PDB file of N, CA and C in Angstrom:
ATOM      1  N   MET A   1       5.557  -5.618  19.092  1.00  0.00           N
ATOM      2  CA  MET A   1       5.085  -5.265  17.759  1.00  0.00           C
ATOM      3  C   MET A   1       3.669  -5.798  17.594  1.00  0.00           C
ATOM      4  N   ALA A   2       2.773  -4.913  17.191  1.00  0.00           N
ATOM      5  CA  ALA A   2       1.376  -5.279  16.961  1.00  0.00           C
ATOM      6  C   ALA A   2       1.149  -5.346  15.460  1.00  0.00           C
ATOM      7  N   SER A   3       1.034  -6.540  14.942  1.00  0.00           N
ATOM      8  CA  SER A   3       0.887  -6.721  13.505  1.00  0.00           C
ATOM      9  C   SER A   3      -0.556  -6.489  13.074  1.00  0.00           C
ATOM     10  N   ALA A   4      -0.720  -5.772  11.979  1.00  0.00           N
ATOM     11  CA  ALA A   4      -2.035  -5.497  11.417  1.00  0.00           C
ATOM     12  C   ALA A   4      -1.970  -5.709   9.910  1.00  0.00           C
ATOM     13  N   LYS A   5      -3.142  -5.817   9.319  1.00  0.00           N
ATOM     14  CA  LYS A   5      -3.238  -6.022   7.865  1.00  0.00           C
ATOM     15  C   LYS A   5      -4.353  -5.140   7.350  1.00  0.00           C
ATOM     16  N   THR A   6      -4.107  -4.516   6.191  1.00  0.00           N
ATOM     17  CA  THR A   6      -5.152  -3.733   5.546  1.00  0.00           C
ATOM     18  C   THR A   6      -5.099  -4.000   4.051  1.00  0.00           C
ATOM     19  N   VAL A   7      -6.231  -3.811   3.401  1.00  0.00           N
ATOM     20  CA  VAL A   7      -6.316  -3.925   1.946  1.00  0.00           C
ATOM     21  C   VAL A   7      -6.787  -2.573   1.428  1.00  0.00           C
ATOM     22  N   LEU A   8      -6.027  -2.022   0.493  1.00  0.00           N
ATOM     23  CA  LEU A   8      -6.362  -0.735  -0.097  1.00  0.00           C
ATOM     24  C   LEU A   8      -6.697  -0.921  -1.566  1.00  0.00           C
ATOM     25  N   ARG A   9      -7.700  -0.203  -2.017  1.00  0.00           N
ATOM     26  CA  ARG A   9      -8.033  -0.174  -3.440  1.00  0.00           C
ATOM     27  C   ARG A   9      -7.229   0.974  -4.044  1.00  0.00           C
ATOM     28  N   VAL A  10      -6.473   0.673  -5.097  1.00  0.00           N
ATOM     29  CA  VAL A  10      -5.598   1.667  -5.719  1.00  0.00           C
ATOM     30  C   VAL A  10      -5.916   1.727  -7.203  1.00  0.00           C
ATOM     31  N   THR A  11      -6.222   2.913  -7.697  1.00  0.00           N
ATOM     32  CA  THR A  11      -6.482   3.074  -9.128  1.00  0.00           C
ATOM     33  C   THR A  11      -5.218   3.563  -9.831  1.00  0.00           C
ATOM     34  N   GLY A  12      -5.131   3.261 -11.105  1.00  0.00           N
ATOM     35  CA  GLY A  12      -4.015   3.718 -11.914  1.00  0.00           C
ATOM     36  C   GLY A  12      -2.821   2.788 -11.924  1.00  0.00           C
ATOM     37  N   LEU A  13      -3.043   1.504 -11.743  1.00  0.00           N
ATOM     38  CA  LEU A  13      -1.943   0.543 -11.699  1.00  0.00           C
ATOM     39  C   LEU A  13      -1.709  -0.183 -13.010  1.00  0.00           C
ATOM     40  N   ALA A  14      -2.400   0.201 -14.073  1.00  0.00           N
ATOM     41  CA  ALA A  14      -2.364  -0.563 -15.324  1.00  0.00           C
ATOM     42  C   ALA A  14      -1.047  -0.429 -16.089  1.00  0.00           C
ATOM     43  N   GLU A  15      -0.309   0.634 -15.872  1.00  0.00           N
ATOM     44  CA  GLU A  15       0.944   0.828 -16.608  1.00  0.00           C
ATOM     45  C   GLU A  15       1.996  -0.187 -16.150  1.00  0.00           C
ATOM     46  N   PRO A  16       2.798  -0.700 -17.087  1.00  0.00           N
ATOM     47  CA  PRO A  16       3.852  -1.654 -16.713  1.00  0.00           C
ATOM     48  C   PRO A  16       4.788  -1.040 -15.667  1.00  0.00           C
ATOM     49  N   GLY A  17       5.147  -1.821 -14.693  1.00  0.00           N
ATOM     50  CA  GLY A  17       6.076  -1.377 -13.665  1.00  0.00           C
ATOM     51  C   GLY A  17       5.433  -0.714 -12.459  1.00  0.00           C
ATOM     52  N   LEU A  18       4.196  -0.242 -12.598  1.00  0.00           N
ATOM     53  CA  LEU A  18       3.573   0.449 -11.472  1.00  0.00           C
ATOM     54  C   LEU A  18       3.255  -0.462 -10.285  1.00  0.00           C
ATOM     55  N   PRO A  19       2.783  -1.684 -10.509  1.00  0.00           N
ATOM     56  CA  PRO A  19       2.553  -2.545  -9.341  1.00  0.00           C
ATOM     57  C   PRO A  19       3.817  -2.742  -8.495  1.00  0.00           C
ATOM     58  N   SER A  20       4.944  -3.004  -9.134  1.00  0.00           N
ATOM     59  CA  SER A  20       6.171  -3.196  -8.358  1.00  0.00           C
ATOM     60  C   SER A  20       6.637  -1.888  -7.731  1.00  0.00           C
ATOM     61  N   ALA A  21       6.369  -0.757  -8.388  1.00  0.00           N
ATOM     62  CA  ALA A  21       6.718   0.542  -7.805  1.00  0.00           C
ATOM     63  C   ALA A  21       5.905   0.801  -6.544  1.00  0.00           C
ATOM     64  N   VAL A  22       4.615   0.440  -6.567  1.00  0.00           N
ATOM     65  CA  VAL A  22       3.759   0.608  -5.393  1.00  0.00           C
ATOM     66  C   VAL A  22       4.237  -0.300  -4.267  1.00  0.00           C
ATOM     67  N   GLU A  23       4.568  -1.534  -4.583  1.00  0.00           N
ATOM     68  CA  GLU A  23       5.077  -2.449  -3.559  1.00  0.00           C
ATOM     69  C   GLU A  23       6.359  -1.903  -2.934  1.00  0.00           C
ATOM     70  N   SER A  24       7.259  -1.381  -3.760  1.00  0.00           N
ATOM     71  CA  SER A  24       8.519  -0.821  -3.256  1.00  0.00           C
ATOM     72  C   SER A  24       8.273   0.423  -2.412  1.00  0.00           C
ATOM     73  N   LEU A  25       7.382   1.281  -2.880  1.00  0.00           N
ATOM     74  CA  LEU A  25       7.049   2.505  -2.149  1.00  0.00           C
ATOM     75  C   LEU A  25       6.527   2.183  -0.759  1.00  0.00           C
ATOM     76  N   LEU A  26       5.572   1.267  -0.694  1.00  0.00           N
ATOM     77  CA  LEU A  26       4.978   0.925   0.595  1.00  0.00           C
ATOM     78  C   LEU A  26       5.940   0.147   1.482  1.00  0.00           C
ATOM     79  N   SER A  27       6.746  -0.713   0.898  1.00  0.00           N
ATOM     80  CA  SER A  27       7.710  -1.492   1.679  1.00  0.00           C
ATOM     81  C   SER A  27       8.761  -0.599   2.325  1.00  0.00           C
ATOM     82  N   ALA A  28       8.990   0.574   1.754  1.00  0.00           N
ATOM     83  CA  ALA A  28       9.971   1.510   2.302  1.00  0.00           C
ATOM     84  C   ALA A  28       9.419   2.318   3.474  1.00  0.00           C
ATOM     85  N   VAL A  29       8.112   2.268   3.697  1.00  0.00           N
ATOM     86  CA  VAL A  29       7.506   2.999   4.813  1.00  0.00           C
ATOM     87  C   VAL A  29       7.869   2.286   6.119  1.00  0.00           C
ATOM     88  N   GLU A  30       8.328   3.046   7.085  1.00  0.00           N
ATOM     89  CA  GLU A  30       8.696   2.457   8.372  1.00  0.00           C
ATOM     90  C   GLU A  30       7.506   1.716   8.979  1.00  0.00           C
ATOM     91  N   GLY A  31       7.744   0.492   9.402  1.00  0.00           N
ATOM     92  CA  GLY A  31       6.706  -0.321  10.010  1.00  0.00           C
ATOM     93  C   GLY A  31       6.040  -1.297   9.063  1.00  0.00           C
ATOM     94  N   VAL A  32       6.199  -1.094   7.750  1.00  0.00           N
ATOM     95  CA  VAL A  32       5.580  -2.008   6.785  1.00  0.00           C
ATOM     96  C   VAL A  32       6.430  -3.262   6.668  1.00  0.00           C
ATOM     97  N   GLU A  33       5.781  -4.390   6.856  1.00  0.00           N
ATOM     98  CA  GLU A  33       6.447  -5.680   6.775  1.00  0.00           C
ATOM     99  C   GLU A  33       6.347  -6.283   5.377  1.00  0.00           C
ATOM    100  N   TYR A  34       5.224  -6.009   4.690  1.00  0.00           N
ATOM    101  CA  TYR A  34       4.944  -6.683   3.422  1.00  0.00           C
ATOM    102  C   TYR A  34       3.887  -5.897   2.668  1.00  0.00           C
ATOM    103  N   ALA A  35       4.075  -5.734   1.376  1.00  0.00           N
ATOM    104  CA  ALA A  35       3.057  -5.115   0.516  1.00  0.00           C
ATOM    105  C   ALA A  35       2.986  -5.925  -0.772  1.00  0.00           C
ATOM    106  N   HIS A  36       1.769  -6.307  -1.174  1.00  0.00           N
ATOM    107  CA  HIS A  36       1.582  -7.100  -2.393  1.00  0.00           C
ATOM    108  C   HIS A  36       0.403  -6.555  -3.188  1.00  0.00           C
ATOM    109  N   VAL A  37       0.656  -6.245  -4.456  1.00  0.00           N
ATOM    110  CA  VAL A  37      -0.381  -5.736  -5.351  1.00  0.00           C
ATOM    111  C   VAL A  37      -1.050  -6.891  -6.068  1.00  0.00           C
ATOM    112  N   ASN A  38      -2.386  -6.882  -6.076  1.00  0.00           N
ATOM    113  CA  ASN A  38      -3.188  -7.782  -6.904  1.00  0.00           C
ATOM    114  C   ASN A  38      -3.697  -6.916  -8.043  1.00  0.00           C
ATOM    115  N   LEU A  39      -3.024  -6.973  -9.173  1.00  0.00           N
ATOM    116  CA  LEU A  39      -3.329  -6.094 -10.298  1.00  0.00           C
ATOM    117  C   LEU A  39      -4.746  -6.290 -10.807  1.00  0.00           C
ATOM    118  N   GLY A  40      -5.200  -7.526 -10.911  1.00  0.00           N
ATOM    119  CA  GLY A  40      -6.541  -7.814 -11.418  1.00  0.00           C
ATOM    120  C   GLY A  40      -7.635  -7.195 -10.575  1.00  0.00           C
ATOM    121  N   ALA A  41      -7.424  -7.145  -9.277  1.00  0.00           N
ATOM    122  CA  ALA A  41      -8.423  -6.582  -8.364  1.00  0.00           C
ATOM    123  C   ALA A  41      -8.157  -5.115  -8.060  1.00  0.00           C
ATOM    124  N   ALA A  42      -7.023  -4.580  -8.534  1.00  0.00           N
ATOM    125  CA  ALA A  42      -6.618  -3.203  -8.248  1.00  0.00           C
ATOM    126  C   ALA A  42      -6.547  -2.951  -6.741  1.00  0.00           C
ATOM    127  N   LYS A  43      -5.947  -3.928  -6.035  1.00  0.00           N
ATOM    128  CA  LYS A  43      -5.829  -3.822  -4.580  1.00  0.00           C
ATOM    129  C   LYS A  43      -4.400  -4.127  -4.152  1.00  0.00           C
ATOM    130  N   VAL A  44      -4.034  -3.554  -3.031  1.00  0.00           N
ATOM    131  CA  VAL A  44      -2.751  -3.865  -2.425  1.00  0.00           C
ATOM    132  C   VAL A  44      -3.006  -4.292  -0.980  1.00  0.00           C
ATOM    133  N   THR A  45      -2.420  -5.426  -0.614  1.00  0.00           N
ATOM    134  CA  THR A  45      -2.512  -5.947   0.744  1.00  0.00           C
ATOM    135  C   THR A  45      -1.224  -5.579   1.462  1.00  0.00           C
ATOM    136  N   ILE A  46      -1.371  -5.005   2.657  1.00  0.00           N
ATOM    137  CA  ILE A  46      -0.215  -4.523   3.400  1.00  0.00           C
ATOM    138  C   ILE A  46      -0.259  -5.078   4.816  1.00  0.00           C
ATOM    139  N   ASN A  47       0.822  -5.697   5.222  1.00  0.00           N
ATOM    140  CA  ASN A  47       1.005  -6.111   6.612  1.00  0.00           C
ATOM    141  C   ASN A  47       1.954  -5.099   7.237  1.00  0.00           C
ATOM    142  N   TYR A  48       1.623  -4.621   8.425  1.00  0.00           N
ATOM    143  CA  TYR A  48       2.432  -3.577   9.040  1.00  0.00           C
ATOM    144  C   TYR A  48       2.328  -3.631  10.560  1.00  0.00           C
ATOM    145  N   ASP A  49       3.249  -2.941  11.196  1.00  0.00           N
ATOM    146  CA  ASP A  49       3.254  -2.801  12.647  1.00  0.00           C
ATOM    147  C   ASP A  49       2.400  -1.583  12.966  1.00  0.00           C
ATOM    148  N   ASP A  50       1.233  -1.802  13.567  1.00  0.00           N
ATOM    149  CA  ASP A  50       0.326  -0.676  13.789  1.00  0.00           C
ATOM    150  C   ASP A  50       0.737   0.225  14.950  1.00  0.00           C
ATOM    151  N   SER A  51       1.831  -0.096  15.608  1.00  0.00           N
ATOM    152  CA  SER A  51       2.363   0.842  16.591  1.00  0.00           C
ATOM    153  C   SER A  51       3.298   1.851  15.921  1.00  0.00           C
ATOM    154  N   VAL A  52       3.604   1.621  14.640  1.00  0.00           N
ATOM    155  CA  VAL A  52       4.513   2.500  13.896  1.00  0.00           C
ATOM    156  C   VAL A  52       3.782   3.277  12.807  1.00  0.00           C
ATOM    157  N   THR A  53       2.857   2.640  12.103  1.00  0.00           N
ATOM    158  CA  THR A  53       2.132   3.284  11.014  1.00  0.00           C
ATOM    159  C   THR A  53       0.696   2.773  10.998  1.00  0.00           C
ATOM    160  N   GLY A  54      -0.108   3.311  10.095  1.00  0.00           N
ATOM    161  CA  GLY A  54      -1.497   2.892   9.998  1.00  0.00           C
ATOM    162  C   GLY A  54      -2.021   3.071   8.587  1.00  0.00           C
ATOM    163  N   ALA A  55      -3.243   2.635   8.370  1.00  0.00           N
ATOM    164  CA  ALA A  55      -3.843   2.673   7.037  1.00  0.00           C
ATOM    165  C   ALA A  55      -3.900   4.091   6.483  1.00  0.00           C
ATOM    166  N   GLU A  56      -4.256   5.062   7.318  1.00  0.00           N
ATOM    167  CA  GLU A  56      -4.349   6.447   6.832  1.00  0.00           C
ATOM    168  C   GLU A  56      -3.000   6.970   6.353  1.00  0.00           C
ATOM    169  N   ALA A  57      -1.930   6.631   7.068  1.00  0.00           N
ATOM    170  CA  ALA A  57      -0.588   7.052   6.656  1.00  0.00           C
ATOM    171  C   ALA A  57      -0.177   6.379   5.349  1.00  0.00           C
ATOM    172  N   LEU A  58      -0.573   5.129   5.168  1.00  0.00           N
ATOM    173  CA  LEU A  58      -0.240   4.408   3.934  1.00  0.00           C
ATOM    174  C   LEU A  58      -1.005   4.993   2.747  1.00  0.00           C
ATOM    175  N   ILE A  59      -2.265   5.339   2.969  1.00  0.00           N
ATOM    176  CA  ILE A  59      -3.058   5.990   1.927  1.00  0.00           C
ATOM    177  C   ILE A  59      -2.428   7.334   1.564  1.00  0.00           C
ATOM    178  N   ALA A  60      -2.021   8.094   2.566  1.00  0.00           N
ATOM    179  CA  ALA A  60      -1.395   9.394   2.316  1.00  0.00           C
ATOM    180  C   ALA A  60      -0.109   9.239   1.510  1.00  0.00           C
ATOM    181  N   GLU A  61       0.663   8.215   1.807  1.00  0.00           N
ATOM    182  CA  GLU A  61       1.900   7.965   1.070  1.00  0.00           C
ATOM    183  C   GLU A  61       1.605   7.664  -0.398  1.00  0.00           C
ATOM    184  N   LEU A  62       0.587   6.854  -0.652  1.00  0.00           N
ATOM    185  CA  LEU A  62       0.204   6.558  -2.039  1.00  0.00           C
ATOM    186  C   LEU A  62      -0.295   7.810  -2.751  1.00  0.00           C
ATOM    187  N   LYS A  63      -1.063   8.623  -2.062  1.00  0.00           N
ATOM    188  CA  LYS A  63      -1.576   9.859  -2.673  1.00  0.00           C
ATOM    189  C   LYS A  63      -0.445  10.824  -2.990  1.00  0.00           C
ATOM    190  N   ARG A  64       0.572  10.907  -2.121  1.00  0.00           N
ATOM    191  CA  ARG A  64       1.743  11.753  -2.400  1.00  0.00           C
ATOM    192  C   ARG A  64       2.449  11.293  -3.664  1.00  0.00           C
ATOM    193  N   ALA A  65       2.393   9.984  -3.936  1.00  0.00           N
ATOM    194  CA  ALA A  65       3.044   9.428  -5.130  1.00  0.00           C
ATOM    195  C   ALA A  65       2.153   9.530  -6.370  1.00  0.00           C
ATOM    196  N   GLY A  66       0.926  10.062  -6.199  1.00  0.00           N
ATOM    197  CA  GLY A  66       0.067  10.281  -7.353  1.00  0.00           C
ATOM    198  C   GLY A  66      -1.006   9.220  -7.586  1.00  0.00           C
ATOM    199  N   PHE A  67      -1.178   8.308  -6.640  1.00  0.00           N
ATOM    200  CA  PHE A  67      -2.191   7.266  -6.776  1.00  0.00           C
ATOM    201  C   PHE A  67      -3.434   7.629  -5.984  1.00  0.00           C
ATOM    202  N   ASP A  68      -4.579   7.201  -6.470  1.00  0.00           N
ATOM    203  CA  ASP A  68      -5.824   7.351  -5.728  1.00  0.00           C
ATOM    204  C   ASP A  68      -6.020   6.065  -4.947  1.00  0.00           C
ATOM    205  N   ALA A  69      -6.051   6.174  -3.621  1.00  0.00           N
ATOM    206  CA  ALA A  69      -6.150   4.992  -2.774  1.00  0.00           C
ATOM    207  C   ALA A  69      -7.235   5.177  -1.728  1.00  0.00           C
ATOM    208  N   THR A  70      -7.977   4.111  -1.485  1.00  0.00           N
ATOM    209  CA  THR A  70      -9.003   4.107  -0.453  1.00  0.00           C
ATOM    210  C   THR A  70      -8.952   2.774   0.274  1.00  0.00           C
ATOM    211  N   GLN A  71      -9.399   2.776   1.511  1.00  0.00           N
ATOM    212  CA  GLN A  71      -9.450   1.522   2.257  1.00  0.00           C
ATOM    213  C   GLN A  71     -10.580   0.677   1.738  1.00  0.00           C
ATOM    214  N   ASP A  72     -10.309  -0.594   1.492  1.00  0.00           N
ATOM    215  CA  ASP A  72     -11.310  -1.502   0.916  1.00  0.00           C
ATOM    216  C   ASP A  72     -12.248  -2.012   1.967  1.00  0.00           C
TER     217      ASP A  72
END
């Protein structure tokens, strides 16, 4: 397992419950070990197995859920 870390900037997290929804969404992606939202910075830090997934796939997953996400 090759562990990697990325930080994504995510807009639209101000509504109650959305930070935990984003963490749950990303944690359910195969290969993701950990996802944590920093609401004040509008960023999510993700630790993942880069042999299974990658930053582009995580961004695509957030976009499918209706969030605007970019790599920080």
